[in-house]
C-alpha cells in the first residue's frame, strides 16, 4: 500500500471505529440507565429509548461501511508476504522474457551464420 492508500484506509478505519464505539457506548448507557436509575425519575425511559435509537442507527450505518472498507482493503491492501511474492513473480516474468529474447537473437545469428557458410 502506498502512502495515499494508507491515508485512505486510516480514514475509513477511523470512521468505522467511531461508529462502533458510539454503538457500544450508547448500548452501555441504555443498560446502565435502565439498571441504575430508579423508576420514579421521569427521564429514565426517554434516555433509554434515545440511547437505543442512537445504538441502532450507529449499527445501521456501521455495517455497510465496514463491509465497504473490508472490500476496499481486500482490493488495495496487501501483506508483506504478498508484496514479496508479487515482486518475485514479476522478476521471474522479466527473466523469462529476457531469456526468450536472447534465445531468439541467438537463433537468428545461427541462421545468419549458417546462410553465410553456404
Protein backbone atom coordinates (compact mmCIF):
# COMPACT_ATOMS: atom_id res chain seq x y z
CA UNK A 1 0.00 0.00 0.00
CA UNK A 2 1.38 3.40 -0.85
CA UNK A 3 1.06 6.48 1.37
CA UNK A 4 -2.15 7.75 -0.26
CA UNK A 5 -3.86 4.38 0.13
CA UNK A 6 -2.71 4.19 3.77
CA UNK A 7 -4.27 7.58 4.48
CA UNK A 8 -7.50 6.49 2.79
CA UNK A 9 -7.57 3.31 4.85
CA UNK A 10 -6.89 5.22 8.07
CA UNK A 11 -9.86 7.47 7.33
CA UNK A 12 -12.17 4.56 6.54
CA UNK A 13 -10.97 2.62 9.59
CA UNK A 14 -11.36 5.63 11.89
CA UNK A 15 -14.96 6.17 10.77
CA UNK A 16 -15.75 2.50 11.44
CA UNK A 17 -14.12 2.62 14.88
CA UNK A 18 -16.02 5.78 15.86
CA UNK A 19 -19.35 4.32 14.72
CA UNK A 20 -18.71 1.08 16.57
CA UNK A 21 -17.74 2.97 19.72
CA UNK A 22 -20.91 5.07 19.51
CA UNK A 23 -22.98 1.90 19.23
CA UNK A 24 -21.24 0.23 22.17
CA UNK A 25 -21.33 3.27 24.44
CA UNK A 26 -24.95 4.09 23.67
CA UNK A 27 -25.94 0.48 24.41
CA UNK A 28 -23.99 0.72 27.69
CA UNK A 29 -25.75 3.98 28.57
CA UNK A 30 -29.13 2.38 27.89
CA UNK A 31 -28.33 -0.65 30.05
CA UNK A 32 -26.80 1.36 32.89
CA UNK A 33 -29.63 3.88 32.88
CA UNK A 34 -32.18 1.10 32.95
CA UNK A 35 -30.41 -0.75 35.77
CA UNK A 36 -29.24 2.10 37.97
CA UNK A 37 -31.81 4.89 37.83
CA UNK A 38 -34.95 4.48 39.85
CA UNK A 39 -38.33 4.26 38.10
CA UNK A 40 -39.57 7.37 39.89
CA UNK A 41 -37.40 9.66 37.71
CA UNK A 42 -39.21 10.96 34.66
CA UNK A 43 -36.18 10.93 32.35
CA UNK A 44 -35.36 7.22 32.68
CA UNK A 45 -37.39 5.94 29.73
CA UNK A 46 -36.58 8.80 27.31
CA UNK A 47 -32.84 8.38 27.98
CA UNK A 48 -33.02 4.61 27.49
CA UNK A 49 -35.00 4.92 24.25
CA UNK A 50 -32.75 7.69 22.92
CA UNK A 51 -29.65 5.63 23.68
CA UNK A 52 -31.15 2.56 21.99
CA UNK A 53 -32.14 4.58 18.92
CA UNK A 54 -28.61 6.00 18.71
CA UNK A 55 -27.22 2.47 19.04
CA UNK A 56 -29.42 1.08 16.26
CA UNK A 57 -28.67 4.00 13.93
CA UNK A 58 -24.93 3.66 14.55
CA UNK A 59 -25.09 -0.07 13.80
CA UNK A 60 -27.14 0.52 10.64
CA UNK A 61 -24.50 2.99 9.45
CA UNK A 62 -21.56 0.89 10.65
CA UNK A 63 -22.36 -2.42 8.94
CA UNK A 64 -22.36 -1.16 5.31
CA UNK A 65 -19.28 0.99 5.92
CA UNK A 66 -17.48 -1.97 7.50
CA UNK A 67 -18.29 -4.18 4.51
CA UNK A 68 -17.19 -1.46 2.08
CA UNK A 69 -13.94 -0.92 4.00
CA UNK A 70 -13.26 -4.66 4.08
CA UNK A 71 -13.87 -4.93 0.33
CA UNK A 72 -11.64 -1.90 -0.30
CA UNK A 73 -8.88 -3.37 1.85
CA UNK A 74 -9.04 -6.71 0.05
CA UNK A 75 -8.62 -4.87 -3.24
CA UNK A 76 -5.90 -2.43 -2.14
CA UNK A 77 -4.23 -3.86 0.91
CA UNK A 78 -1.53 -6.44 0.71
CA UNK A 79 0.64 -8.07 3.31
CA UNK A 80 4.41 -8.09 3.20
CA UNK A 81 4.42 -11.74 2.07
CA UNK A 82 2.05 -10.94 -0.78
CA UNK A 83 4.18 -7.97 -1.89
CA UNK A 84 7.34 -10.12 -1.82
CA UNK A 85 5.60 -12.90 -3.74
CA UNK A 86 4.35 -10.38 -6.31
CA UNK A 87 7.85 -8.91 -6.70
CA UNK A 88 9.35 -12.39 -7.15
CA UNK A 89 6.70 -13.24 -9.74
CA UNK A 90 7.37 -10.03 -11.67
CA UNK A 91 11.12 -10.70 -11.53
CA UNK A 92 10.62 -14.24 -12.84
CA UNK A 93 8.42 -12.94 -15.67
CA UNK A 94 11.05 -10.38 -16.65
CA UNK A 95 13.79 -13.03 -16.55
CA UNK A 96 11.71 -15.36 -18.72
CA UNK A 97 11.05 -12.60 -21.21
CA UNK A 98 14.73 -11.63 -21.41
CA UNK A 99 15.75 -15.29 -21.81
CA UNK A 100 13.25 -15.75 -24.65
CA UNK A 101 14.53 -12.61 -26.41
CA UNK A 102 18.16 -13.75 -26.08
CA UNK A 103 17.34 -17.21 -27.40
CA UNK A 104 15.54 -15.65 -30.37
CA UNK A 105 18.58 -13.48 -31.11
CA UNK A 106 20.90 -16.50 -30.87
CA UNK A 107 18.73 -18.43 -33.34
CA UNK A 108 18.83 -15.51 -35.77
CA UNK A 109 22.61 -15.38 -35.52
CA UNK A 110 22.85 -19.13 -36.08
CA UNK A 111 20.61 -18.90 -39.12
CA UNK A 112 22.65 -15.99 -40.49
CA UNK A 113 25.92 -17.82 -39.82
CA UNK A 114 24.56 -20.95 -41.49
CA UNK A 115 23.45 -18.97 -44.55
CA UNK A 116 26.81 -17.24 -44.70
CA UNK A 117 28.62 -20.58 -44.71
CA UNK A 118 26.61 -21.84 -47.65
